[in-house]
Amino acid sequence: MYLTETHIRLDDVRCYAYHGVLPQERVVGADYTVSLDLQLTAPAPAVRDDRLEGTVDYAEAFRLVRREMARPSALLEHVAGRILQVLFDTFPRIEAASVAVRKVNPPMGADCSGAAVTLTARRFAPPRRLRLLILDFDGTLADTAAGIVATMTAAFRECGLPVPDAAAVRRTIGLPLPQSISLLAGLQPGEALDRATATYRRLFETIGTQAVSAFPHVIETLRRACGAGITTAIATSRGSASVRALCAQLGLAPYVRYYVAEDNVRHKKPAPDAVLLLLQQTGTRPEDCLVVGDTSYDIEMGRAAGCPTCGVTYGNHDRTQLAEADFIIDDFAQLAGEDGSFPLP
C-alpha cells in the first residue's frame, strides 16, 4: 500500500457567533457552521505506528475553530482566513487546507439555507532542498559491468546456452536478473530460466565480485550528502544480500541508510514501486527526492514516482538514452554542485 494523500475533515461544526457588516449582526448574532478539509504531509507515523504526531488532533482543531469564531469579524472571508492561519501555525503537518464558513440565516431577504465563504490555501513552501537521494547501484555507484559480463558468460556456458556478446549483456544491466537472462537467451519463464538465474547468482559470488569497484568520487560525495543531512538510499534490481554485501565490500555501507532490492517489491524496474516504498518509509515528498541512475529504466522509475531524476553518463546507457532525465552528469561529484549544496532541478 502506498499512501498518496491523507485528509482530516470536520463537517458542519455548529457555532453561534457575531459576525457581519450590519450593527445588529454584531449585537444579535446568528447560527454558523464551519467545515474543514485538512490535507496532511508524511502521515506514515499515524498510519504505520499509530502515533498522534503523524496526524492532526481534530479535537484541538475544533477548539481553535470555536475560539476564532468567537472573535467578531465584519466579513466571513476574514474569519475564514483567521481559522486557516491558526491551523497552519498550530499543525506543521498540514500541507493544504480548505475552510468553509456558512451563515445559516443571513439577513438579506432571501429564501435560502445560508450563505457561505470557502477559502483554500497551501502552506508557503520554503526553498526546496534535497532530502532523499535514491541511487541505483550497478553502473551508478559501482562499476560492475565487467563482472556481470564475465559471470553471464560463465553461467551461459555452464547451462549450455549460446553466449551473448558483451554489448548485449551491458544493454540489459539495470533490469531484474531473470528478465535480463530471458532477453539474452530467449528463454520463457520455467525451469531452464530458473536454472540459468540460479547459476548466475552462484557464480557471481566468485567471479563477478572480483571485478567490482566504486566509481570515482562516489564515497566522497556520499559522505558530503550525509554530512548535509540528506538521507541516502539504494533502489536496485540486484538482490538484497548481494547489494548489501557489495556495499560493505566497497566501503559504501556507512553512507547508505535504506535499501530496496528486487526481492523487496512486486513490480520491478522500471515500475516505480521501489521509489514509492522509499518515499513512504522516509516520509518524503516526491519533489524533495532525487532519483539517480545510469539507465533509462532508472529514469523511467523515478519519473513514474513523480520525482526529479538525474542520469549519469559513465554507466551502461549513453546520453541519448538518458534524455528523459531532468539533468545529466558525467561525474558523480557533480551531484553536489559547485557550492556543495546538492541542488534540485
C-alpha atoms as a PDB file:
ATOM      1  CA  MET A   1       0.000   0.000   0.000  1.00  0.00           C
ATOM      2  CA  TYR A   2       1.292   3.453  -0.947  1.00  0.00           C
ATOM      3  CA  LEU A   3      -0.345   6.483   0.634  1.00  0.00           C
ATOM      4  CA  THR A   4      -0.960   9.299  -1.811  1.00  0.00           C
ATOM      5  CA  GLU A   5      -2.964  11.788   0.278  1.00  0.00           C
ATOM      6  CA  THR A   6      -4.385  11.954   3.783  1.00  0.00           C
ATOM      7  CA  HIS A   7      -7.267  14.286   4.688  1.00  0.00           C
ATOM      8  CA  ILE A   8      -8.764  15.166   8.064  1.00  0.00           C
ATOM      9  CA  ARG A   9     -12.302  16.576   7.870  1.00  0.00           C
ATOM     10  CA  LEU A  10     -14.575  18.314  10.346  1.00  0.00           C
ATOM     11  CA  ASP A  11     -18.040  18.724   8.880  1.00  0.00           C
ATOM     12  CA  ASP A  12     -20.598  21.347   9.908  1.00  0.00           C
ATOM     13  CA  VAL A  13     -19.179  22.457  13.247  1.00  0.00           C
ATOM     14  CA  ARG A  14     -22.079  24.478  14.711  1.00  0.00           C
ATOM     15  CA  CYS A  15     -21.350  27.848  16.331  1.00  0.00           C
ATOM     16  CA  TYR A  16     -23.292  30.882  17.475  1.00  0.00           C
ATOM     17  CA  ALA A  17     -21.266  33.986  16.594  1.00  0.00           C
ATOM     18  CA  TYR A  18     -21.456  37.720  15.996  1.00  0.00           C
ATOM     19  CA  HIS A  19     -20.071  38.357  12.524  1.00  0.00           C
ATOM     20  CA  GLY A  20     -21.448  40.792   9.985  1.00  0.00           C
ATOM     21  CA  VAL A  21     -21.254  44.247   8.439  1.00  0.00           C
ATOM     22  CA  LEU A  22     -24.580  45.441   9.872  1.00  0.00           C
ATOM     23  CA  PRO A  23     -24.501  46.699  13.500  1.00  0.00           C
ATOM     24  CA  GLN A  24     -27.404  44.474  14.576  1.00  0.00           C
ATOM     25  CA  GLU A  25     -25.496  41.395  13.413  1.00  0.00           C
ATOM     26  CA  ARG A  26     -22.800  42.214  15.958  1.00  0.00           C
ATOM     27  CA  VAL A  27     -25.446  42.527  18.697  1.00  0.00           C
ATOM     28  CA  VAL A  28     -27.950  39.775  17.946  1.00  0.00           C
ATOM     29  CA  GLY A  29     -25.622  37.166  16.453  1.00  0.00           C
ATOM     30  CA  ALA A  30     -26.538  34.203  14.280  1.00  0.00           C
ATOM     31  CA  ASP A  31     -26.021  30.494  13.726  1.00  0.00           C
ATOM     32  CA  TYR A  32     -22.985  29.412  11.701  1.00  0.00           C
ATOM     33  CA  THR A  33     -21.412  26.182  10.539  1.00  0.00           C
ATOM     34  CA  VAL A  34     -17.727  25.633   9.804  1.00  0.00           C
ATOM     35  CA  SER A  35     -16.304  22.758   7.749  1.00  0.00           C
ATOM     36  CA  LEU A  36     -12.616  21.877   7.438  1.00  0.00           C
ATOM     37  CA  ASP A  37     -10.684  19.719   4.996  1.00  0.00           C
ATOM     38  CA  LEU A  38      -7.033  19.406   6.050  1.00  0.00           C
ATOM     39  CA  GLN A  39      -4.533  17.705   3.745  1.00  0.00           C
ATOM     40  CA  LEU A  40      -1.536  16.271   5.591  1.00  0.00           C
ATOM     41  CA  THR A  41       2.020  15.516   4.598  1.00  0.00           C
ATOM     42  CA  ALA A  42       4.093  12.494   5.745  1.00  0.00           C
ATOM     43  CA  PRO A  43       1.283  10.663   7.613  1.00  0.00           C
ATOM     44  CA  ALA A  44       3.293   7.432   7.993  1.00  0.00           C
ATOM     45  CA  PRO A  45       3.732   7.654  11.820  1.00  0.00           C
ATOM     46  CA  ALA A  46      -0.048   7.735  12.284  1.00  0.00           C
ATOM     47  CA  VAL A  47      -0.838   5.031   9.731  1.00  0.00           C
ATOM     48  CA  ARG A  48       2.027   2.664  10.413  1.00  0.00           C
ATOM     49  CA  ASP A  49       2.861   3.280  14.081  1.00  0.00           C
ATOM     50  CA  ASP A  50      -0.479   4.530  15.480  1.00  0.00           C
ATOM     51  CA  ARG A  51       1.141   7.719  16.825  1.00  0.00           C
ATOM     52  CA  LEU A  52      -0.700  11.035  17.120  1.00  0.00           C
ATOM     53  CA  GLU A  53       2.290  13.048  15.935  1.00  0.00           C
ATOM     54  CA  GLY A  54       1.678  11.651  12.457  1.00  0.00           C
ATOM     55  CA  THR A  55      -1.658  13.431  12.121  1.00  0.00           C
ATOM     56  CA  VAL A  56      -3.768  16.361  13.377  1.00  0.00           C
ATOM     57  CA  ASP A  57      -5.580  16.314  16.714  1.00  0.00           C
ATOM     58  CA  TYR A  58      -9.062  17.132  15.463  1.00  0.00           C
ATOM     59  CA  ALA A  59     -10.269  17.913  18.982  1.00  0.00           C
ATOM     60  CA  GLU A  60      -7.674  20.687  19.127  1.00  0.00           C
ATOM     61  CA  ALA A  61      -8.671  21.807  15.622  1.00  0.00           C
ATOM     62  CA  PHE A  62     -12.283  22.034  16.832  1.00  0.00           C
ATOM     63  CA  ARG A  63     -11.211  24.118  19.833  1.00  0.00           C
ATOM     64  CA  LEU A  64      -9.306  26.538  17.584  1.00  0.00           C
ATOM     65  CA  VAL A  65     -12.301  26.912  15.262  1.00  0.00           C
ATOM     66  CA  ARG A  66     -14.575  27.731  18.193  1.00  0.00           C
ATOM     67  CA  ARG A  67     -12.059  30.252  19.511  1.00  0.00           C
ATOM     68  CA  GLU A  68     -11.751  32.093  16.206  1.00  0.00           C
ATOM     69  CA  MET A  69     -15.496  32.048  15.611  1.00  0.00           C
ATOM     70  CA  ALA A  70     -15.968  33.764  18.989  1.00  0.00           C
ATOM     71  CA  ARG A  71     -13.982  36.776  17.743  1.00  0.00           C
ATOM     72  CA  PRO A  72     -16.335  39.039  15.691  1.00  0.00           C
ATOM     73  CA  SER A  73     -15.416  39.927  12.108  1.00  0.00           C
ATOM     74  CA  ALA A  74     -17.264  42.066   9.582  1.00  0.00           C
ATOM     75  CA  LEU A  75     -16.636  39.596   6.766  1.00  0.00           C
ATOM     76  CA  LEU A  76     -16.784  35.819   6.597  1.00  0.00           C
ATOM     77  CA  GLU A  77     -13.627  35.943   4.464  1.00  0.00           C
ATOM     78  CA  HIS A  78     -11.786  37.465   7.432  1.00  0.00           C
ATOM     79  CA  VAL A  79     -12.864  34.859   9.963  1.00  0.00           C
ATOM     80  CA  ALA A  80     -12.159  32.024   7.495  1.00  0.00           C
ATOM     81  CA  GLY A  81      -8.698  33.470   6.896  1.00  0.00           C
ATOM     82  CA  ARG A  82      -8.020  33.633  10.633  1.00  0.00           C
ATOM     83  CA  ILE A  83      -9.063  30.000  11.022  1.00  0.00           C
ATOM     84  CA  LEU A  84      -6.745  28.931   8.208  1.00  0.00           C
ATOM     85  CA  GLN A  85      -3.820  30.869   9.650  1.00  0.00           C
ATOM     86  CA  VAL A  86      -4.129  29.449  13.156  1.00  0.00           C
ATOM     87  CA  LEU A  87      -4.445  25.904  11.791  1.00  0.00           C
ATOM     88  CA  PHE A  88      -1.273  26.276   9.697  1.00  0.00           C
ATOM     89  CA  ASP A  89       0.544  27.837  12.666  1.00  0.00           C
ATOM     90  CA  THR A  90      -0.527  25.081  15.076  1.00  0.00           C
ATOM     91  CA  PHE A  91      -0.164  21.971  12.933  1.00  0.00           C
ATOM     92  CA  PRO A  92       3.048  21.809  10.851  1.00  0.00           C
ATOM     93  CA  ARG A  93       1.871  18.632   9.114  1.00  0.00           C
ATOM     94  CA  ILE A  94      -0.936  20.483   7.316  1.00  0.00           C
ATOM     95  CA  GLU A  95       0.113  20.786   3.682  1.00  0.00           C
ATOM     96  CA  ALA A  96      -3.090  22.389   2.419  1.00  0.00           C
ATOM     97  CA  ALA A  97      -6.467  23.267   3.919  1.00  0.00           C
ATOM     98  CA  SER A  98      -9.956  24.335   2.945  1.00  0.00           C
ATOM     99  CA  VAL A  99     -12.296  26.174   5.357  1.00  0.00           C
ATOM    100  CA  ALA A 100     -15.978  26.888   4.663  1.00  0.00           C
ATOM    101  CA  VAL A 101     -17.803  29.322   6.987  1.00  0.00           C
ATOM    102  CA  ARG A 102     -21.582  29.387   6.480  1.00  0.00           C
ATOM    103  CA  LYS A 103     -24.099  31.803   7.969  1.00  0.00           C
ATOM    104  CA  VAL A 104     -27.284  29.780   8.344  1.00  0.00           C
ATOM    105  CA  ASN A 105     -29.854  32.593   8.024  1.00  0.00           C
ATOM    106  CA  PRO A 106     -28.249  35.716   6.526  1.00  0.00           C
ATOM    107  CA  PRO A 107     -30.257  38.996   6.788  1.00  0.00           C
ATOM    108  CA  MET A 108     -30.714  39.617   3.090  1.00  0.00           C
ATOM    109  CA  GLY A 109     -34.415  38.965   2.493  1.00  0.00           C
ATOM    110  CA  ALA A 110     -33.790  35.775   0.559  1.00  0.00           C
ATOM    111  CA  ASP A 111     -35.283  32.324   0.932  1.00  0.00           C
ATOM    112  CA  CYS A 112     -32.109  30.210   1.187  1.00  0.00           C
ATOM    113  CA  SER A 113     -30.466  27.825   3.613  1.00  0.00           C
ATOM    114  CA  GLY A 114     -27.422  30.006   4.109  1.00  0.00           C
ATOM    115  CA  ALA A 115     -24.552  31.987   2.640  1.00  0.00           C
ATOM    116  CA  ALA A 116     -21.012  30.628   2.800  1.00  0.00           C
ATOM    117  CA  VAL A 117     -17.427  31.583   2.044  1.00  0.00           C
ATOM    118  CA  THR A 118     -14.822  28.911   1.293  1.00  0.00           C
ATOM    119  CA  LEU A 119     -11.090  29.609   1.401  1.00  0.00           C
ATOM    120  CA  THR A 120      -8.428  27.146   0.256  1.00  0.00           C
ATOM    121  CA  ALA A 121      -4.736  27.648   0.960  1.00  0.00           C
ATOM    122  CA  ARG A 122      -1.421  25.808   0.724  1.00  0.00           C
ATOM    123  CA  ARG A 123       1.432  26.177   3.157  1.00  0.00           C
ATOM    124  CA  PHE A 124       4.076  28.569   1.887  1.00  0.00           C
ATOM    125  CA  ALA A 125       6.833  26.367   0.519  1.00  0.00           C
ATOM    126  CA  PRO A 126      10.352  27.203   1.683  1.00  0.00           C
ATOM    127  CA  PRO A 127      13.160  26.984  -0.865  1.00  0.00           C
ATOM    128  CA  ARG A 128      13.387  23.382  -1.992  1.00  0.00           C
ATOM    129  CA  ARG A 129      16.288  21.311  -0.794  1.00  0.00           C
ATOM    130  CA  LEU A 130      17.188  17.713  -1.378  1.00  0.00           C
ATOM    131  CA  ARG A 131      16.081  15.472   1.480  1.00  0.00           C
ATOM    132  CA  LEU A 132      16.289  11.979  -0.032  1.00  0.00           C
ATOM    133  CA  LEU A 133      18.816  10.705  -2.571  1.00  0.00           C
ATOM    134  CA  ILE A 134      17.727   7.435  -4.220  1.00  0.00           C
ATOM    135  CA  LEU A 135      20.558   5.774  -6.099  1.00  0.00           C
ATOM    136  CA  ASP A 136      20.836   2.887  -8.485  1.00  0.00           C
ATOM    137  CA  PHE A 137      23.771   0.578  -7.714  1.00  0.00           C
ATOM    138  CA  ASP A 138      25.097  -1.124 -10.856  1.00  0.00           C
ATOM    139  CA  GLY A 139      26.556   1.455 -13.212  1.00  0.00           C
ATOM    140  CA  THR A 140      25.803   4.374 -10.885  1.00  0.00           C
ATOM    141  CA  LEU A 141      27.667   3.734  -7.638  1.00  0.00           C
ATOM    142  CA  ALA A 142      29.713   0.724  -8.686  1.00  0.00           C
ATOM    143  CA  ASP A 143      31.347  -0.400 -11.899  1.00  0.00           C
ATOM    144  CA  THR A 144      30.018  -3.936 -12.108  1.00  0.00           C
ATOM    145  CA  ALA A 145      29.795  -4.301 -15.884  1.00  0.00           C
ATOM    146  CA  ALA A 146      32.950  -6.399 -16.343  1.00  0.00           C
ATOM    147  CA  GLY A 147      31.934  -8.718 -13.511  1.00  0.00           C
ATOM    148  CA  ILE A 148      28.397  -9.057 -14.879  1.00  0.00           C
ATOM    149  CA  VAL A 149      29.636  -9.851 -18.383  1.00  0.00           C
ATOM    150  CA  ALA A 150      32.137 -12.401 -17.067  1.00  0.00           C
ATOM    151  CA  THR A 151      29.529 -14.041 -14.837  1.00  0.00           C
ATOM    152  CA  MET A 152      26.913 -14.103 -17.589  1.00  0.00           C
ATOM    153  CA  THR A 153      29.425 -15.727 -19.950  1.00  0.00           C
ATOM    154  CA  ALA A 154      30.332 -18.417 -17.402  1.00  0.00           C
ATOM    155  CA  ALA A 155      26.684 -19.071 -16.475  1.00  0.00           C
ATOM    156  CA  PHE A 156      25.566 -19.443 -20.101  1.00  0.00           C
ATOM    157  CA  ARG A 157      28.414 -21.839 -20.811  1.00  0.00           C
ATOM    158  CA  GLU A 158      27.627 -23.938 -17.752  1.00  0.00           C
ATOM    159  CA  CYS A 159      23.956 -24.113 -18.771  1.00  0.00           C
ATOM    160  CA  GLY A 160      24.765 -24.952 -22.400  1.00  0.00           C
ATOM    161  CA  LEU A 161      23.301 -21.703 -23.749  1.00  0.00           C
ATOM    162  CA  PRO A 162      24.730 -19.584 -26.588  1.00  0.00           C
ATOM    163  CA  VAL A 163      27.000 -16.971 -25.013  1.00  0.00           C
ATOM    164  CA  PRO A 164      25.810 -13.398 -25.710  1.00  0.00           C
ATOM    165  CA  ASP A 165      28.304 -10.699 -26.653  1.00  0.00           C
ATOM    166  CA  ALA A 166      29.367  -8.170 -24.058  1.00  0.00           C
ATOM    167  CA  ALA A 167      27.464  -5.266 -25.628  1.00  0.00           C
ATOM    168  CA  ALA A 168      24.190  -7.210 -25.483  1.00  0.00           C
ATOM    169  CA  VAL A 169      24.769  -8.037 -21.813  1.00  0.00           C
ATOM    170  CA  ARG A 170      25.526  -4.411 -20.952  1.00  0.00           C
ATOM    171  CA  ARG A 171      22.264  -3.276 -22.560  1.00  0.00           C
ATOM    172  CA  THR A 172      20.281  -5.396 -20.082  1.00  0.00           C
ATOM    173  CA  ILE A 173      22.090  -4.192 -16.951  1.00  0.00           C
ATOM    174  CA  GLY A 174      19.567  -2.481 -14.713  1.00  0.00           C
ATOM    175  CA  LEU A 175      16.771  -4.932 -15.413  1.00  0.00           C
ATOM    176  CA  PRO A 176      15.871  -7.709 -12.951  1.00  0.00           C
ATOM    177  CA  LEU A 177      18.220 -10.654 -13.486  1.00  0.00           C
ATOM    178  CA  PRO A 178      15.591 -13.160 -14.730  1.00  0.00           C
ATOM    179  CA  GLN A 179      14.409 -10.607 -17.281  1.00  0.00           C
ATOM    180  CA  SER A 180      17.986  -9.955 -18.460  1.00  0.00           C
ATOM    181  CA  ILE A 181      18.678 -13.661 -18.930  1.00  0.00           C
ATOM    182  CA  SER A 182      15.324 -14.175 -20.612  1.00  0.00           C
ATOM    183  CA  LEU A 183      16.108 -11.451 -23.141  1.00  0.00           C
ATOM    184  CA  LEU A 184      19.647 -12.671 -23.774  1.00  0.00           C
ATOM    185  CA  ALA A 185      18.835 -16.388 -24.013  1.00  0.00           C
ATOM    186  CA  GLY A 186      15.315 -16.205 -25.436  1.00  0.00           C
ATOM    187  CA  LEU A 187      14.016 -18.269 -22.520  1.00  0.00           C
ATOM    188  CA  GLN A 188      10.455 -18.160 -21.278  1.00  0.00           C
ATOM    189  CA  PRO A 189       9.647 -18.484 -17.558  1.00  0.00           C
ATOM    190  CA  GLY A 190      10.256 -22.061 -16.480  1.00  0.00           C
ATOM    191  CA  GLU A 191      12.886 -24.481 -15.265  1.00  0.00           C
ATOM    192  CA  ALA A 192      15.557 -23.503 -17.800  1.00  0.00           C
ATOM    193  CA  LEU A 193      15.317 -19.817 -16.899  1.00  0.00           C
ATOM    194  CA  ASP A 194      15.270 -20.591 -13.168  1.00  0.00           C
ATOM    195  CA  ARG A 195      18.364 -22.798 -13.541  1.00  0.00           C
ATOM    196  CA  ALA A 196      20.259 -20.131 -15.507  1.00  0.00           C
ATOM    197  CA  THR A 197      19.309 -17.449 -12.957  1.00  0.00           C
ATOM    198  CA  ALA A 198      20.425 -19.594 -10.026  1.00  0.00           C
ATOM    199  CA  THR A 199      23.671 -20.460 -11.820  1.00  0.00           C
ATOM    200  CA  TYR A 200      24.431 -16.789 -12.447  1.00  0.00           C
ATOM    201  CA  ARG A 201      23.814 -15.877  -8.811  1.00  0.00           C
ATOM    202  CA  ARG A 202      26.068 -18.666  -7.583  1.00  0.00           C
ATOM    203  CA  LEU A 203      28.888 -17.776  -9.973  1.00  0.00           C
ATOM    204  CA  PHE A 204      28.684 -14.038  -9.323  1.00  0.00           C
ATOM    205  CA  GLU A 205      29.860 -14.565  -5.747  1.00  0.00           C
ATOM    206  CA  THR A 206      33.183 -15.921  -7.030  1.00  0.00           C
ATOM    207  CA  ILE A 207      33.542 -14.333 -10.488  1.00  0.00           C
ATOM    208  CA  GLY A 208      31.569 -11.096 -10.502  1.00  0.00           C
ATOM    209  CA  THR A 209      32.591  -9.724  -7.127  1.00  0.00           C
ATOM    210  CA  GLN A 210      36.266  -9.825  -8.112  1.00  0.00           C
ATOM    211  CA  ALA A 211      35.709  -7.207 -10.813  1.00  0.00           C
ATOM    212  CA  VAL A 212      33.634  -4.643  -8.880  1.00  0.00           C
ATOM    213  CA  SER A 213      34.841  -1.188  -7.872  1.00  0.00           C
ATOM    214  CA  ALA A 214      33.248   2.083  -6.802  1.00  0.00           C
ATOM    215  CA  PHE A 215      33.201   4.792  -9.449  1.00  0.00           C
ATOM    216  CA  PRO A 216      35.399   7.857  -8.866  1.00  0.00           C
ATOM    217  CA  HIS A 217      34.175  10.363  -6.252  1.00  0.00           C
ATOM    218  CA  VAL A 218      31.277   8.159  -5.090  1.00  0.00           C
ATOM    219  CA  ILE A 219      32.405   7.664  -1.495  1.00  0.00           C
ATOM    220  CA  GLU A 220      33.421  11.307  -1.021  1.00  0.00           C
ATOM    221  CA  THR A 221      30.136  12.588  -2.458  1.00  0.00           C
ATOM    222  CA  LEU A 222      28.027  10.234  -0.358  1.00  0.00           C
ATOM    223  CA  ARG A 223      29.943  11.368   2.715  1.00  0.00           C
ATOM    224  CA  ARG A 224      29.187  15.010   1.836  1.00  0.00           C
ATOM    225  CA  ALA A 225      25.498  14.198   1.286  1.00  0.00           C
ATOM    226  CA  CYS A 226      25.216  12.545   4.688  1.00  0.00           C
ATOM    227  CA  GLY A 227      27.006  15.485   6.261  1.00  0.00           C
ATOM    228  CA  ALA A 228      24.441  17.816   4.674  1.00  0.00           C
ATOM    229  CA  GLY A 229      21.601  15.897   6.338  1.00  0.00           C
ATOM    230  CA  ILE A 230      20.474  14.127   3.175  1.00  0.00           C
ATOM    231  CA  THR A 231      19.139  10.587   3.540  1.00  0.00           C
ATOM    232  CA  THR A 232      20.703   8.215   1.021  1.00  0.00           C
ATOM    233  CA  ALA A 233      19.057   5.046  -0.247  1.00  0.00           C
ATOM    234  CA  ILE A 234      19.607   2.429  -2.930  1.00  0.00           C
ATOM    235  CA  ALA A 235      16.924   1.142  -5.309  1.00  0.00           C
ATOM    236  CA  THR A 236      18.379  -1.736  -7.283  1.00  0.00           C
ATOM    237  CA  SER A 237      17.470  -4.686  -9.455  1.00  0.00           C
ATOM    238  CA  ARG A 238      20.112  -6.663  -7.579  1.00  0.00           C
ATOM    239  CA  GLY A 239      19.083  -8.957  -4.691  1.00  0.00           C
ATOM    240  CA  SER A 240      19.153  -7.724  -1.100  1.00  0.00           C
ATOM    241  CA  ALA A 241      22.006  -9.931   0.114  1.00  0.00           C
ATOM    242  CA  SER A 242      24.137  -9.135  -2.925  1.00  0.00           C
ATOM    243  CA  VAL A 243      23.793  -5.341  -2.816  1.00  0.00           C
ATOM    244  CA  ARG A 244      24.410  -5.180   0.948  1.00  0.00           C
ATOM    245  CA  ALA A 245      27.488  -7.385   0.652  1.00  0.00           C
ATOM    246  CA  LEU A 246      28.896  -5.309  -2.213  1.00  0.00           C
ATOM    247  CA  CYS A 247      28.259  -2.028  -0.381  1.00  0.00           C
ATOM    248  CA  ALA A 248      30.163  -3.410   2.609  1.00  0.00           C
ATOM    249  CA  GLN A 249      32.961  -4.635   0.330  1.00  0.00           C
ATOM    250  CA  LEU A 250      33.320  -1.238  -1.365  1.00  0.00           C
ATOM    251  CA  GLY A 251      33.050   0.866   1.796  1.00  0.00           C
ATOM    252  CA  LEU A 252      29.687   2.382   0.835  1.00  0.00           C
ATOM    253  CA  ALA A 253      27.602   0.830   3.617  1.00  0.00           C
ATOM    254  CA  PRO A 254      28.211   3.574   6.231  1.00  0.00           C
ATOM    255  CA  TYR A 255      26.583   6.123   3.915  1.00  0.00           C
ATOM    256  CA  VAL A 256      23.503   4.133   2.823  1.00  0.00           C
ATOM    257  CA  ARG A 257      20.550   4.141   5.202  1.00  0.00           C
ATOM    258  CA  TYR A 258      17.863   2.325   3.188  1.00  0.00           C
ATOM    259  CA  TYR A 259      17.953  -0.482   0.621  1.00  0.00           C
ATOM    260  CA  VAL A 260      15.158  -1.616  -1.683  1.00  0.00           C
ATOM    261  CA  ALA A 261      16.225  -4.570  -3.814  1.00  0.00           C
ATOM    262  CA  GLU A 262      14.424  -6.608  -6.441  1.00  0.00           C
ATOM    263  CA  ASP A 263      13.200  -9.073  -3.818  1.00  0.00           C
ATOM    264  CA  ASN A 264      11.562  -6.283  -1.777  1.00  0.00           C
ATOM    265  CA  VAL A 265       8.995  -5.199  -4.385  1.00  0.00           C
ATOM    266  CA  ARG A 266       6.437  -6.969  -6.519  1.00  0.00           C
ATOM    267  CA  HIS A 267       6.859  -4.813  -9.613  1.00  0.00           C
ATOM    268  CA  LYS A 268      10.484  -4.317 -10.670  1.00  0.00           C
ATOM    269  CA  LYS A 269      12.205  -1.514 -12.557  1.00  0.00           C
ATOM    270  CA  PRO A 270      11.147   0.445 -14.498  1.00  0.00           C
ATOM    271  CA  ALA A 271       7.977   0.314 -12.346  1.00  0.00           C
ATOM    272  CA  PRO A 272       8.031   2.977  -9.588  1.00  0.00           C
ATOM    273  CA  ASP A 273       7.452   0.566  -6.678  1.00  0.00           C
ATOM    274  CA  ALA A 274      10.975   0.785  -5.206  1.00  0.00           C
ATOM    275  CA  VAL A 275      10.936   4.596  -5.165  1.00  0.00           C
ATOM    276  CA  LEU A 276       7.400   4.756  -3.791  1.00  0.00           C
ATOM    277  CA  LEU A 277       8.358   2.385  -0.988  1.00  0.00           C
ATOM    278  CA  LEU A 278      11.362   4.532  -0.051  1.00  0.00           C
ATOM    279  CA  LEU A 279       9.255   7.697  -0.104  1.00  0.00           C
ATOM    280  CA  GLN A 280       6.795   6.040   2.259  1.00  0.00           C
ATOM    281  CA  GLN A 281       9.496   4.656   4.566  1.00  0.00           C
ATOM    282  CA  THR A 282      11.167   8.056   4.901  1.00  0.00           C
ATOM    283  CA  GLY A 283       8.060  10.270   4.864  1.00  0.00           C
ATOM    284  CA  THR A 284       9.488  12.254   1.943  1.00  0.00           C
ATOM    285  CA  ARG A 285       7.565  14.130  -0.733  1.00  0.00           C
ATOM    286  CA  PRO A 286       8.483  13.190  -4.325  1.00  0.00           C
ATOM    287  CA  GLU A 287       9.555  16.760  -5.087  1.00  0.00           C
ATOM    288  CA  ASP A 288      12.138  16.631  -2.257  1.00  0.00           C
ATOM    289  CA  CYS A 289      13.777  13.494  -3.641  1.00  0.00           C
ATOM    290  CA  LEU A 290      16.246  12.884  -6.470  1.00  0.00           C
ATOM    291  CA  VAL A 291      16.493   9.549  -8.292  1.00  0.00           C
ATOM    292  CA  VAL A 292      19.906   8.932  -9.858  1.00  0.00           C
ATOM    293  CA  GLY A 293      20.734   6.166 -12.308  1.00  0.00           C
ATOM    294  CA  ASP A 294      22.753   5.183 -15.332  1.00  0.00           C
ATOM    295  CA  THR A 295      19.947   3.613 -17.396  1.00  0.00           C
ATOM    296  CA  SER A 296      16.676   4.674 -18.915  1.00  0.00           C
ATOM    297  CA  TYR A 297      14.999   2.153 -16.576  1.00  0.00           C
ATOM    298  CA  ASP A 298      16.122   4.213 -13.557  1.00  0.00           C
ATOM    299  CA  ILE A 299      14.896   7.455 -15.109  1.00  0.00           C
ATOM    300  CA  GLU A 300      11.537   5.928 -16.017  1.00  0.00           C
ATOM    301  CA  MET A 301      11.186   4.551 -12.480  1.00  0.00           C
ATOM    302  CA  GLY A 302      11.842   7.940 -10.902  1.00  0.00           C
ATOM    303  CA  ARG A 303       9.576   9.858 -13.254  1.00  0.00           C
ATOM    304  CA  ALA A 304       6.742   7.382 -12.702  1.00  0.00           C
ATOM    305  CA  ALA A 305       7.014   8.085  -8.957  1.00  0.00           C
ATOM    306  CA  GLY A 306       6.835  11.863  -9.568  1.00  0.00           C
ATOM    307  CA  CYS A 307      10.462  12.537  -8.578  1.00  0.00           C
ATOM    308  CA  PRO A 308      13.153  14.647 -10.248  1.00  0.00           C
ATOM    309  CA  THR A 309      15.720  12.442 -11.958  1.00  0.00           C
ATOM    310  CA  CYS A 310      19.410  12.574 -12.832  1.00  0.00           C
ATOM    311  CA  GLY A 311      21.221  10.401 -15.349  1.00  0.00           C
ATOM    312  CA  VAL A 312      24.935   9.541 -15.168  1.00  0.00           C
ATOM    313  CA  THR A 313      26.762   9.023 -18.443  1.00  0.00           C
ATOM    314  CA  TYR A 314      29.647   6.866 -17.212  1.00  0.00           C
ATOM    315  CA  GLY A 315      27.469   3.747 -16.736  1.00  0.00           C
ATOM    316  CA  ASN A 316      25.653   1.487 -19.167  1.00  0.00           C
ATOM    317  CA  HIS A 317      23.375   3.832 -21.143  1.00  0.00           C
ATOM    318  CA  ASP A 318      24.550   6.824 -23.141  1.00  0.00           C
ATOM    319  CA  ARG A 319      23.380  10.432 -23.034  1.00  0.00           C
ATOM    320  CA  THR A 320      20.779   9.851 -25.745  1.00  0.00           C
ATOM    321  CA  GLN A 321      19.172   7.012 -23.796  1.00  0.00           C
ATOM    322  CA  LEU A 322      19.105   9.209 -20.677  1.00  0.00           C
ATOM    323  CA  ALA A 323      17.457  12.135 -22.464  1.00  0.00           C
ATOM    324  CA  GLU A 324      14.277  11.974 -20.342  1.00  0.00           C
ATOM    325  CA  ALA A 325      16.224  12.784 -17.150  1.00  0.00           C
ATOM    326  CA  ASP A 326      15.816  16.242 -15.617  1.00  0.00           C
ATOM    327  CA  PHE A 327      19.566  16.664 -15.806  1.00  0.00           C
ATOM    328  CA  ILE A 328      22.595  14.591 -16.768  1.00  0.00           C
ATOM    329  CA  ILE A 329      26.051  14.493 -15.190  1.00  0.00           C
ATOM    330  CA  ASP A 330      29.358  12.977 -16.284  1.00  0.00           C
ATOM    331  CA  ASP A 331      30.882  12.616 -12.813  1.00  0.00           C
ATOM    332  CA  PHE A 332      29.158  11.560  -9.586  1.00  0.00           C
ATOM    333  CA  ALA A 333      30.752  14.511  -7.781  1.00  0.00           C
ATOM    334  CA  GLN A 334      28.622  16.865  -9.895  1.00  0.00           C
ATOM    335  CA  LEU A 335      25.607  15.916  -7.766  1.00  0.00           C
ATOM    336  CA  ALA A 336      26.937  18.272  -5.086  1.00  0.00           C
ATOM    337  CA  GLY A 337      27.110  21.302  -7.359  1.00  0.00           C
ATOM    338  CA  GLU A 338      29.899  23.854  -7.288  1.00  0.00           C
ATOM    339  CA  ASP A 339      28.912  25.085  -3.824  1.00  0.00           C
ATOM    340  CA  GLY A 340      28.216  21.623  -2.399  1.00  0.00           C
ATOM    341  CA  SER A 341      24.521  22.386  -1.953  1.00  0.00           C
ATOM    342  CA  PHE A 342      23.054  19.329  -3.742  1.00  0.00           C
ATOM    343  CA  PRO A 343      20.560  21.392  -5.779  1.00  0.00           C
ATOM    344  CA  LEU A 344      17.291  20.033  -7.146  1.00  0.00           C
ATOM    345  CA  PRO A 345      16.331  20.692 -10.784  1.00  0.00           C
END
